[in-house]
Amino acid sequence: MTTLAEPLQAQSMRRGLIARAVDRLGGGLVQVFMILVALFWLLPTLGLLVVSLRGETDNNSSGWWMLFTKPAQLTVDNYSNLLASGFGSSFWNTVLITVPATLLVIGIAAMAAYAFAWIEFPGRDLVFLVVIALLVVPVQIALIPIAKLYGALGIFGSILGVVLFHVAFGLPFAIFLLRNFFVGIPRELLEAARMDGAPEWRIFATVVFPLAKPAIASLGIFQFLWVWNDLLVALVFADTGNQPMTKALQSQMRQFGTNVDILSPGAFLSLIIPLVLFFAFQRYFVQGMLAGSVK
């Protein structure tokens, strides 16, 4: 018995060592592969950064990768010229449009989603179906009617008009997303709060809203990226004094088709803010996506 057990035990130990080696090797290969994918994904961003830090003559004569052989080509003159052209005001216009549009959509959609999920009122399901139906309405259909309405109200061409348009078209998806998350919250938590005498607004603020942070972070990232990168709405509703970065870059491209020394730093500035925001809230974004996938 002993002679048979010892080979079996040795064989089991060898299999265990092989399995652990395969697991470690597989995990290492996966990590290396993901790192390579990340570097490949960031390569255009790196190229844009290098182009924005090279002079116009250097960019016209050679590729951006030549920087590694001639690092003296780096200069910040492009960014100085960009700011001198008035791009700084467009950057702040973008912030003044994006931040209110994102916060308003999150706040209004969270309260509406809570009402659709946990408050009984006449016609609740019908109203929610109307909200869902608004998801299929293209933005292009509303441009001319809203432009006429803004003209009558005297807000056409203003930052307020652009913000209101983004809020109106961002709410249907936001309400749909948050309502589906809110219905997954255990009813017992809300019933316990109601038994303690908490009003609905307090239940929403102290129970539901903290639990919905992953979903709210995901919504905030989607809304921020959509508004920050928007060009169509800015072209229609923002005048020259209130134009965001996307419209400012588009106007530069129209006037100077080969003006790379202005376009490249502007494009990098418009890209780096959403990139930093995504990496800062990546953990909440993944949690929100996984939470929505299992409800």
C-alpha atoms as a PDB file:
ATOM      1  CA  MET A   1       0.000   0.000   0.000  1.00  0.00           C
ATOM      2  CA  THR A   2       2.814   2.361   0.880  1.00  0.00           C
ATOM      3  CA  THR A   3       4.653   1.694  -2.371  1.00  0.00           C
ATOM      4  CA  LEU A   4       1.501   2.451  -4.397  1.00  0.00           C
ATOM      5  CA  ALA A   5       0.547   5.541  -2.381  1.00  0.00           C
ATOM      6  CA  GLU A   6       3.944   7.207  -2.715  1.00  0.00           C
ATOM      7  CA  PRO A   7       3.957   7.320  -6.556  1.00  0.00           C
ATOM      8  CA  LEU A   8       0.356   8.560  -6.560  1.00  0.00           C
ATOM      9  CA  GLN A   9       1.237  11.278  -4.065  1.00  0.00           C
ATOM     10  CA  ALA A  10       4.314  12.300  -6.055  1.00  0.00           C
ATOM     11  CA  GLN A  11       2.249  12.365  -9.260  1.00  0.00           C
ATOM     12  CA  SER A  12      -0.383  14.518  -7.559  1.00  0.00           C
ATOM     13  CA  MET A  13       2.291  16.949  -6.371  1.00  0.00           C
ATOM     14  CA  ARG A  14       3.748  17.181  -9.887  1.00  0.00           C
ATOM     15  CA  ARG A  15       0.309  17.906 -11.329  1.00  0.00           C
ATOM     16  CA  GLY A  16      -0.221  20.557  -8.691  1.00  0.00           C
ATOM     17  CA  LEU A  17       3.096  22.187  -9.544  1.00  0.00           C
ATOM     18  CA  ILE A  18       2.316  22.076 -13.264  1.00  0.00           C
ATOM     19  CA  ALA A  19      -1.138  23.572 -12.684  1.00  0.00           C
ATOM     20  CA  ARG A  20       0.270  26.400 -10.594  1.00  0.00           C
ATOM     21  CA  ALA A  21       2.978  27.063 -13.187  1.00  0.00           C
ATOM     22  CA  VAL A  22       0.385  27.178 -15.974  1.00  0.00           C
ATOM     23  CA  ASP A  23      -1.803  29.523 -13.928  1.00  0.00           C
ATOM     24  CA  ARG A  24       1.088  31.851 -13.205  1.00  0.00           C
ATOM     25  CA  LEU A  25       2.313  31.750 -16.781  1.00  0.00           C
ATOM     26  CA  GLY A  26      -1.197  32.311 -18.097  1.00  0.00           C
ATOM     27  CA  GLY A  27      -1.769  35.215 -15.733  1.00  0.00           C
ATOM     28  CA  GLY A  28       1.551  36.740 -16.715  1.00  0.00           C
ATOM     29  CA  LEU A  29       0.789  36.415 -20.412  1.00  0.00           C
ATOM     30  CA  VAL A  30      -2.614  37.979 -19.934  1.00  0.00           C
ATOM     31  CA  GLN A  31      -1.082  40.894 -18.058  1.00  0.00           C
ATOM     32  CA  VAL A  32       1.559  41.404 -20.737  1.00  0.00           C
ATOM     33  CA  PHE A  33      -1.113  41.256 -23.440  1.00  0.00           C
ATOM     34  CA  MET A  34      -3.320  43.790 -21.645  1.00  0.00           C
ATOM     35  CA  ILE A  35      -0.356  46.125 -21.138  1.00  0.00           C
ATOM     36  CA  LEU A  36       0.443  45.926 -24.850  1.00  0.00           C
ATOM     37  CA  VAL A  37      -3.190  46.642 -25.728  1.00  0.00           C
ATOM     38  CA  ALA A  38      -3.204  49.651 -23.379  1.00  0.00           C
ATOM     39  CA  LEU A  39       0.023  50.998 -24.875  1.00  0.00           C
ATOM     40  CA  PHE A  40      -1.339  50.484 -28.400  1.00  0.00           C
ATOM     41  CA  TRP A  41      -4.532  52.307 -27.402  1.00  0.00           C
ATOM     42  CA  LEU A  42      -2.546  55.216 -25.946  1.00  0.00           C
ATOM     43  CA  LEU A  43      -0.193  55.432 -28.947  1.00  0.00           C
ATOM     44  CA  PRO A  44      -2.332  57.977 -30.883  1.00  0.00           C
ATOM     45  CA  THR A  45      -2.573  60.115 -27.750  1.00  0.00           C
ATOM     46  CA  LEU A  46       1.196  60.014 -27.345  1.00  0.00           C
ATOM     47  CA  GLY A  47       1.647  60.909 -31.009  1.00  0.00           C
ATOM     48  CA  LEU A  48      -0.744  63.842 -30.679  1.00  0.00           C
ATOM     49  CA  LEU A  49       1.132  65.084 -27.604  1.00  0.00           C
ATOM     50  CA  VAL A  50       4.467  64.913 -29.396  1.00  0.00           C
ATOM     51  CA  VAL A  51       3.083  66.680 -32.465  1.00  0.00           C
ATOM     52  CA  SER A  52       1.701  69.441 -30.261  1.00  0.00           C
ATOM     53  CA  LEU A  53       5.186  69.940 -28.763  1.00  0.00           C
ATOM     54  CA  ARG A  54       7.030  70.152 -32.091  1.00  0.00           C
ATOM     55  CA  GLY A  55       7.345  73.131 -34.366  1.00  0.00           C
ATOM     56  CA  GLU A  56       5.502  73.397 -37.658  1.00  0.00           C
ATOM     57  CA  THR A  57       8.711  72.935 -39.660  1.00  0.00           C
ATOM     58  CA  ASP A  58       9.644  69.750 -37.788  1.00  0.00           C
ATOM     59  CA  ASN A  59       6.146  68.292 -38.174  1.00  0.00           C
ATOM     60  CA  ASN A  60       6.155  68.981 -41.909  1.00  0.00           C
ATOM     61  CA  SER A  61       9.604  67.489 -42.455  1.00  0.00           C
ATOM     62  CA  SER A  62       9.444  64.288 -40.380  1.00  0.00           C
ATOM     63  CA  GLY A  63       7.191  62.057 -38.307  1.00  0.00           C
ATOM     64  CA  TRP A  64       6.558  62.559 -34.596  1.00  0.00           C
ATOM     65  CA  TRP A  65       8.634  59.465 -33.708  1.00  0.00           C
ATOM     66  CA  MET A  66      11.776  61.353 -34.738  1.00  0.00           C
ATOM     67  CA  LEU A  67      11.530  63.090 -31.376  1.00  0.00           C
ATOM     68  CA  PHE A  68      13.357  60.148 -29.788  1.00  0.00           C
ATOM     69  CA  THR A  69      16.434  60.934 -31.882  1.00  0.00           C
ATOM     70  CA  LYS A  70      16.088  64.729 -31.667  1.00  0.00           C
ATOM     71  CA  PRO A  71      14.570  65.629 -28.286  1.00  0.00           C
ATOM     72  CA  ALA A  72      15.625  69.270 -28.740  1.00  0.00           C
ATOM     73  CA  GLN A  73      12.597  69.703 -31.003  1.00  0.00           C
ATOM     74  CA  LEU A  74      10.305  69.987 -27.968  1.00  0.00           C
ATOM     75  CA  THR A  75       8.782  73.426 -27.483  1.00  0.00           C
ATOM     76  CA  VAL A  76       5.724  74.954 -25.846  1.00  0.00           C
ATOM     77  CA  ASP A  77       5.361  77.676 -28.449  1.00  0.00           C
ATOM     78  CA  ASN A  78       2.365  75.902 -29.976  1.00  0.00           C
ATOM     79  CA  TYR A  79       0.435  76.157 -26.714  1.00  0.00           C
ATOM     80  CA  SER A  80       1.412  79.815 -26.352  1.00  0.00           C
ATOM     81  CA  ASN A  81       0.135  80.524 -29.864  1.00  0.00           C
ATOM     82  CA  LEU A  82      -3.033  78.593 -29.121  1.00  0.00           C
ATOM     83  CA  LEU A  83      -3.818  80.600 -26.008  1.00  0.00           C
ATOM     84  CA  ALA A  84      -2.980  83.821 -27.834  1.00  0.00           C
ATOM     85  CA  SER A  85      -5.574  82.922 -30.482  1.00  0.00           C
ATOM     86  CA  GLY A  86      -8.357  83.003 -27.869  1.00  0.00           C
ATOM     87  CA  PHE A  87      -8.647  79.262 -27.333  1.00  0.00           C
ATOM     88  CA  GLY A  88      -8.579  79.733 -23.545  1.00  0.00           C
ATOM     89  CA  SER A  89     -12.029  81.318 -23.586  1.00  0.00           C
ATOM     90  CA  SER A  90     -13.351  78.374 -25.629  1.00  0.00           C
ATOM     91  CA  PHE A  91     -11.938  76.001 -23.036  1.00  0.00           C
ATOM     92  CA  TRP A  92     -13.824  77.748 -20.231  1.00  0.00           C
ATOM     93  CA  ASN A  93     -16.958  77.875 -22.354  1.00  0.00           C
ATOM     94  CA  THR A  94     -16.693  74.096 -22.674  1.00  0.00           C
ATOM     95  CA  VAL A  95     -16.388  73.774 -18.894  1.00  0.00           C
ATOM     96  CA  LEU A  96     -19.364  76.115 -18.352  1.00  0.00           C
ATOM     97  CA  ILE A  97     -21.436  73.980 -20.706  1.00  0.00           C
ATOM     98  CA  THR A  98     -20.319  70.504 -19.677  1.00  0.00           C
ATOM     99  CA  VAL A  99     -20.325  70.753 -15.879  1.00  0.00           C
ATOM    100  CA  PRO A 100     -23.884  72.180 -15.464  1.00  0.00           C
ATOM    101  CA  ALA A 101     -25.263  69.868 -18.154  1.00  0.00           C
ATOM    102  CA  THR A 102     -23.781  66.845 -16.379  1.00  0.00           C
ATOM    103  CA  LEU A 103     -24.822  67.835 -12.842  1.00  0.00           C
ATOM    104  CA  LEU A 104     -28.355  68.800 -13.869  1.00  0.00           C
ATOM    105  CA  VAL A 105     -28.890  65.532 -15.729  1.00  0.00           C
ATOM    106  CA  ILE A 106     -27.641  63.512 -12.760  1.00  0.00           C
ATOM    107  CA  GLY A 107     -29.756  65.393 -10.223  1.00  0.00           C
ATOM    108  CA  ILE A 108     -33.004  65.485 -12.205  1.00  0.00           C
ATOM    109  CA  ALA A 109     -32.662  61.941 -13.520  1.00  0.00           C
ATOM    110  CA  ALA A 110     -31.899  60.517 -10.068  1.00  0.00           C
ATOM    111  CA  MET A 111     -35.034  62.045  -8.549  1.00  0.00           C
ATOM    112  CA  ALA A 112     -37.201  61.032 -11.513  1.00  0.00           C
ATOM    113  CA  ALA A 113     -35.789  57.492 -11.510  1.00  0.00           C
ATOM    114  CA  TYR A 114     -36.514  57.149  -7.792  1.00  0.00           C
ATOM    115  CA  ALA A 115     -40.106  58.236  -8.392  1.00  0.00           C
ATOM    116  CA  PHE A 116     -40.544  55.761 -11.252  1.00  0.00           C
ATOM    117  CA  ALA A 117     -39.004  52.954  -9.209  1.00  0.00           C
ATOM    118  CA  TRP A 118     -40.489  53.359  -5.713  1.00  0.00           C
ATOM    119  CA  ILE A 119     -43.307  55.917  -5.648  1.00  0.00           C
ATOM    120  CA  GLU A 120     -46.816  54.949  -6.703  1.00  0.00           C
ATOM    121  CA  PHE A 121     -48.688  57.634  -8.664  1.00  0.00           C
ATOM    122  CA  PRO A 122     -51.373  57.556 -11.384  1.00  0.00           C
ATOM    123  CA  GLY A 123     -50.024  56.966 -14.867  1.00  0.00           C
ATOM    124  CA  ARG A 124     -46.529  56.065 -13.683  1.00  0.00           C
ATOM    125  CA  ASP A 125     -45.994  53.266 -16.207  1.00  0.00           C
ATOM    126  CA  LEU A 126     -47.405  55.336 -19.071  1.00  0.00           C
ATOM    127  CA  VAL A 127     -45.150  58.279 -18.296  1.00  0.00           C
ATOM    128  CA  PHE A 128     -42.153  55.963 -18.064  1.00  0.00           C
ATOM    129  CA  LEU A 129     -42.998  54.499 -21.474  1.00  0.00           C
ATOM    130  CA  VAL A 130     -43.086  58.026 -22.895  1.00  0.00           C
ATOM    131  CA  VAL A 131     -39.639  58.656 -21.431  1.00  0.00           C
ATOM    132  CA  ILE A 132     -38.347  55.436 -22.988  1.00  0.00           C
ATOM    133  CA  ALA A 133     -39.884  56.430 -26.334  1.00  0.00           C
ATOM    134  CA  LEU A 134     -37.894  59.672 -26.269  1.00  0.00           C
ATOM    135  CA  LEU A 135     -34.695  57.601 -26.514  1.00  0.00           C
ATOM    136  CA  VAL A 136     -35.348  56.980 -30.206  1.00  0.00           C
ATOM    137  CA  VAL A 137     -35.831  60.668 -31.096  1.00  0.00           C
ATOM    138  CA  PRO A 138     -32.805  61.846 -33.117  1.00  0.00           C
ATOM    139  CA  VAL A 139     -31.127  65.068 -32.084  1.00  0.00           C
ATOM    140  CA  GLN A 140     -31.311  66.391 -35.646  1.00  0.00           C
ATOM    141  CA  ILE A 141     -35.116  66.444 -35.611  1.00  0.00           C
ATOM    142  CA  ALA A 142     -35.236  68.941 -32.744  1.00  0.00           C
ATOM    143  CA  LEU A 143     -32.611  71.389 -34.003  1.00  0.00           C
ATOM    144  CA  ILE A 144     -34.877  73.664 -36.053  1.00  0.00           C
ATOM    145  CA  PRO A 145     -37.882  73.731 -33.628  1.00  0.00           C
ATOM    146  CA  ILE A 146     -35.626  74.360 -30.638  1.00  0.00           C
ATOM    147  CA  ALA A 147     -33.742  77.055 -32.541  1.00  0.00           C
ATOM    148  CA  LYS A 148     -37.025  78.866 -33.208  1.00  0.00           C
ATOM    149  CA  LEU A 149     -38.023  78.486 -29.562  1.00  0.00           C
ATOM    150  CA  TYR A 150     -34.670  79.832 -28.375  1.00  0.00           C
ATOM    151  CA  GLY A 151     -35.025  82.771 -30.737  1.00  0.00           C
ATOM    152  CA  ALA A 152     -38.419  83.604 -29.255  1.00  0.00           C
ATOM    153  CA  LEU A 153     -37.038  83.310 -25.716  1.00  0.00           C
ATOM    154  CA  GLY A 154     -33.921  85.345 -26.515  1.00  0.00           C
ATOM    155  CA  ILE A 155     -31.411  82.661 -25.510  1.00  0.00           C
ATOM    156  CA  PHE A 156     -30.278  81.558 -28.965  1.00  0.00           C
ATOM    157  CA  GLY A 157     -26.489  81.573 -29.176  1.00  0.00           C
ATOM    158  CA  SER A 158     -26.016  81.581 -25.410  1.00  0.00           C
ATOM    159  CA  ILE A 159     -24.377  79.021 -23.144  1.00  0.00           C
ATOM    160  CA  LEU A 160     -27.713  78.567 -21.358  1.00  0.00           C
ATOM    161  CA  GLY A 161     -29.366  77.393 -24.561  1.00  0.00           C
ATOM    162  CA  VAL A 162     -26.660  74.798 -25.212  1.00  0.00           C
ATOM    163  CA  VAL A 163     -26.881  73.521 -21.615  1.00  0.00           C
ATOM    164  CA  LEU A 164     -30.675  73.196 -21.735  1.00  0.00           C
ATOM    165  CA  PHE A 165     -30.513  71.277 -25.008  1.00  0.00           C
ATOM    166  CA  HIS A 166     -27.986  68.801 -23.620  1.00  0.00           C
ATOM    167  CA  VAL A 167     -30.017  68.365 -20.428  1.00  0.00           C
ATOM    168  CA  ALA A 168     -33.230  67.717 -22.350  1.00  0.00           C
ATOM    169  CA  PHE A 169     -31.680  65.062 -24.577  1.00  0.00           C
ATOM    170  CA  GLY A 170     -29.616  63.495 -21.818  1.00  0.00           C
ATOM    171  CA  LEU A 171     -32.509  62.917 -19.413  1.00  0.00           C
ATOM    172  CA  PRO A 172     -34.313  59.991 -21.140  1.00  0.00           C
ATOM    173  CA  PHE A 173     -31.271  57.718 -21.138  1.00  0.00           C
ATOM    174  CA  ALA A 174     -30.252  58.859 -17.650  1.00  0.00           C
ATOM    175  CA  ILE A 175     -33.696  58.137 -16.198  1.00  0.00           C
ATOM    176  CA  PHE A 176     -33.807  54.747 -17.903  1.00  0.00           C
ATOM    177  CA  LEU A 177     -30.354  53.783 -16.609  1.00  0.00           C
ATOM    178  CA  LEU A 178     -30.885  54.907 -13.005  1.00  0.00           C
ATOM    179  CA  ARG A 179     -34.414  53.540 -12.743  1.00  0.00           C
ATOM    180  CA  ASN A 180     -33.183  50.071 -13.710  1.00  0.00           C
ATOM    181  CA  PHE A 181     -30.538  50.347 -10.996  1.00  0.00           C
ATOM    182  CA  PHE A 182     -32.914  51.663  -8.323  1.00  0.00           C
ATOM    183  CA  VAL A 183     -35.406  48.825  -8.738  1.00  0.00           C
ATOM    184  CA  GLY A 184     -32.650  46.404  -7.728  1.00  0.00           C
ATOM    185  CA  ILE A 185     -32.272  47.989  -4.291  1.00  0.00           C
ATOM    186  CA  PRO A 186     -33.858  45.746  -1.615  1.00  0.00           C
ATOM    187  CA  ARG A 187     -37.342  46.939  -0.702  1.00  0.00           C
ATOM    188  CA  GLU A 188     -36.668  46.123   2.956  1.00  0.00           C
ATOM    189  CA  LEU A 189     -34.207  49.018   3.219  1.00  0.00           C
ATOM    190  CA  LEU A 190     -36.814  51.517   2.084  1.00  0.00           C
ATOM    191  CA  GLU A 191     -39.568  49.987   4.215  1.00  0.00           C
ATOM    192  CA  ALA A 192     -37.344  50.143   7.292  1.00  0.00           C
ATOM    193  CA  ALA A 193     -36.673  53.824   6.652  1.00  0.00           C
ATOM    194  CA  ARG A 194     -40.386  54.523   6.194  1.00  0.00           C
ATOM    195  CA  MET A 195     -41.181  52.714   9.440  1.00  0.00           C
ATOM    196  CA  ASP A 196     -38.719  55.029  11.175  1.00  0.00           C
ATOM    197  CA  GLY A 197     -40.743  57.974   9.883  1.00  0.00           C
ATOM    198  CA  ALA A 198     -38.319  59.154   7.188  1.00  0.00           C
ATOM    199  CA  PRO A 199     -39.959  61.140   4.355  1.00  0.00           C
ATOM    200  CA  GLU A 200     -39.336  60.228   0.739  1.00  0.00           C
ATOM    201  CA  TRP A 201     -36.736  62.934   0.166  1.00  0.00           C
ATOM    202  CA  ARG A 202     -34.744  61.725   3.164  1.00  0.00           C
ATOM    203  CA  ILE A 203     -34.942  58.097   1.992  1.00  0.00           C
ATOM    204  CA  PHE A 204     -33.678  59.202  -1.414  1.00  0.00           C
ATOM    205  CA  ALA A 205     -30.828  61.276   0.025  1.00  0.00           C
ATOM    206  CA  THR A 206     -29.612  58.911   2.760  1.00  0.00           C
ATOM    207  CA  VAL A 207     -30.458  55.427   1.471  1.00  0.00           C
ATOM    208  CA  VAL A 208     -30.904  55.313  -2.299  1.00  0.00           C
ATOM    209  CA  PHE A 209     -28.443  57.944  -3.494  1.00  0.00           C
ATOM    210  CA  PRO A 210     -25.396  56.561  -1.600  1.00  0.00           C
ATOM    211  CA  LEU A 211     -26.106  53.033  -2.865  1.00  0.00           C
ATOM    212  CA  ALA A 212     -26.344  54.306  -6.439  1.00  0.00           C
ATOM    213  CA  LYS A 213     -22.869  55.885  -6.572  1.00  0.00           C
ATOM    214  CA  PRO A 214     -21.499  53.371  -9.126  1.00  0.00           C
ATOM    215  CA  ALA A 215     -24.452  53.877 -11.466  1.00  0.00           C
ATOM    216  CA  ILE A 216     -24.355  57.647 -11.009  1.00  0.00           C
ATOM    217  CA  ALA A 217     -20.612  57.693 -11.731  1.00  0.00           C
ATOM    218  CA  SER A 218     -21.174  55.693 -14.923  1.00  0.00           C
ATOM    219  CA  LEU A 219     -23.935  58.060 -15.983  1.00  0.00           C
ATOM    220  CA  GLY A 220     -21.778  61.074 -15.185  1.00  0.00           C
ATOM    221  CA  ILE A 221     -18.935  59.769 -17.348  1.00  0.00           C
ATOM    222  CA  PHE A 222     -21.260  59.069 -20.284  1.00  0.00           C
ATOM    223  CA  GLN A 223     -22.938  62.482 -20.050  1.00  0.00           C
ATOM    224  CA  PHE A 224     -19.670  64.355 -19.574  1.00  0.00           C
ATOM    225  CA  LEU A 225     -18.043  62.705 -22.580  1.00  0.00           C
ATOM    226  CA  TRP A 226     -21.092  63.286 -24.765  1.00  0.00           C
ATOM    227  CA  VAL A 227     -21.350  66.996 -23.940  1.00  0.00           C
ATOM    228  CA  TRP A 228     -17.594  67.635 -23.897  1.00  0.00           C
ATOM    229  CA  ASN A 229     -17.079  66.151 -27.373  1.00  0.00           C
ATOM    230  CA  ASP A 230     -20.257  67.526 -28.944  1.00  0.00           C
ATOM    231  CA  LEU A 231     -19.917  69.556 -32.120  1.00  0.00           C
ATOM    232  CA  LEU A 232     -23.357  69.513 -33.751  1.00  0.00           C
ATOM    233  CA  VAL A 233     -25.248  71.272 -30.955  1.00  0.00           C
ATOM    234  CA  ALA A 234     -22.440  73.803 -30.533  1.00  0.00           C
ATOM    235  CA  LEU A 235     -22.474  74.618 -34.244  1.00  0.00           C
ATOM    236  CA  VAL A 236     -26.203  75.329 -34.167  1.00  0.00           C
ATOM    237  CA  PHE A 237     -26.807  76.991 -30.801  1.00  0.00           C
ATOM    238  CA  ALA A 238     -23.510  78.622 -29.741  1.00  0.00           C
ATOM    239  CA  ASP A 239     -22.370  81.900 -31.263  1.00  0.00           C
ATOM    240  CA  THR A 240     -18.737  82.910 -31.698  1.00  0.00           C
ATOM    241  CA  GLY A 241     -18.430  84.475 -28.242  1.00  0.00           C
ATOM    242  CA  ASN A 242     -19.792  81.374 -26.480  1.00  0.00           C
ATOM    243  CA  GLN A 243     -18.319  78.642 -28.666  1.00  0.00           C
ATOM    244  CA  PRO A 244     -16.794  75.547 -26.977  1.00  0.00           C
ATOM    245  CA  MET A 245     -13.508  73.938 -27.960  1.00  0.00           C
ATOM    246  CA  THR A 246     -15.007  71.644 -30.587  1.00  0.00           C
ATOM    247  CA  LYS A 247     -16.440  74.562 -32.535  1.00  0.00           C
ATOM    248  CA  ALA A 248     -13.252  76.597 -32.071  1.00  0.00           C
ATOM    249  CA  LEU A 249     -11.143  73.745 -33.486  1.00  0.00           C
ATOM    250  CA  GLN A 250     -13.572  73.291 -36.349  1.00  0.00           C
ATOM    251  CA  SER A 251     -13.336  76.972 -37.243  1.00  0.00           C
ATOM    252  CA  GLN A 252      -9.521  76.802 -37.153  1.00  0.00           C
ATOM    253  CA  MET A 253      -9.594  73.807 -39.470  1.00  0.00           C
ATOM    254  CA  ARG A 254     -11.875  75.662 -41.854  1.00  0.00           C
ATOM    255  CA  GLN A 255      -9.627  78.716 -41.994  1.00  0.00           C
ATOM    256  CA  PHE A 256      -6.222  76.990 -41.856  1.00  0.00           C
ATOM    257  CA  GLY A 257      -6.437  73.489 -43.225  1.00  0.00           C
ATOM    258  CA  THR A 258      -2.759  72.700 -42.569  1.00  0.00           C
ATOM    259  CA  ASN A 259      -2.351  74.699 -39.351  1.00  0.00           C
ATOM    260  CA  VAL A 260      -1.132  71.706 -37.352  1.00  0.00           C
ATOM    261  CA  ASP A 261       0.699  73.829 -34.790  1.00  0.00           C
ATOM    262  CA  ILE A 262      -2.671  75.228 -33.647  1.00  0.00           C
ATOM    263  CA  LEU A 263      -4.886  72.195 -34.148  1.00  0.00           C
ATOM    264  CA  SER A 264      -2.677  69.634 -32.420  1.00  0.00           C
ATOM    265  CA  PRO A 265      -2.371  71.368 -29.001  1.00  0.00           C
ATOM    266  CA  GLY A 266      -6.065  72.239 -29.089  1.00  0.00           C
ATOM    267  CA  ALA A 267      -7.003  68.649 -29.878  1.00  0.00           C
ATOM    268  CA  PHE A 268      -4.754  67.358 -27.096  1.00  0.00           C
ATOM    269  CA  LEU A 269      -6.265  69.757 -24.532  1.00  0.00           C
ATOM    270  CA  SER A 270      -9.760  68.674 -25.547  1.00  0.00           C
ATOM    271  CA  LEU A 271      -8.731  65.008 -25.223  1.00  0.00           C
ATOM    272  CA  ILE A 272      -6.757  64.970 -21.988  1.00  0.00           C
ATOM    273  CA  ILE A 273      -9.556  66.176 -19.669  1.00  0.00           C
ATOM    274  CA  PRO A 274     -12.004  63.322 -20.506  1.00  0.00           C
ATOM    275  CA  LEU A 275      -9.115  60.855 -20.363  1.00  0.00           C
ATOM    276  CA  VAL A 276      -8.121  61.977 -16.864  1.00  0.00           C
ATOM    277  CA  LEU A 277     -11.757  61.917 -15.757  1.00  0.00           C
ATOM    278  CA  PHE A 278     -12.255  58.376 -17.017  1.00  0.00           C
ATOM    279  CA  PHE A 279      -9.164  57.043 -15.244  1.00  0.00           C
ATOM    280  CA  ALA A 280     -10.112  58.899 -12.044  1.00  0.00           C
ATOM    281  CA  PHE A 281     -13.586  57.315 -11.923  1.00  0.00           C
ATOM    282  CA  GLN A 282     -12.712  54.028 -13.617  1.00  0.00           C
ATOM    283  CA  ARG A 283     -13.434  51.979 -10.488  1.00  0.00           C
ATOM    284  CA  TYR A 284     -16.945  53.375 -10.134  1.00  0.00           C
ATOM    285  CA  PHE A 285     -17.530  53.017 -13.856  1.00  0.00           C
ATOM    286  CA  VAL A 286     -16.706  49.297 -13.806  1.00  0.00           C
ATOM    287  CA  GLN A 287     -18.844  48.769 -10.682  1.00  0.00           C
ATOM    288  CA  GLY A 288     -21.776  50.482 -12.355  1.00  0.00           C
ATOM    289  CA  MET A 289     -21.468  48.394 -15.493  1.00  0.00           C
ATOM    290  CA  LEU A 290     -21.213  45.145 -13.544  1.00  0.00           C
ATOM    291  CA  ALA A 291     -24.132  46.109 -11.306  1.00  0.00           C
ATOM    292  CA  GLY A 292     -26.296  46.805 -14.312  1.00  0.00           C
ATOM    293  CA  SER A 293     -25.352  43.511 -15.939  1.00  0.00           C
ATOM    294  CA  VAL A 294     -26.658  41.304 -13.136  1.00  0.00           C
ATOM    295  CA  LYS A 295     -29.936  43.057 -12.281  1.00  0.00           C
END
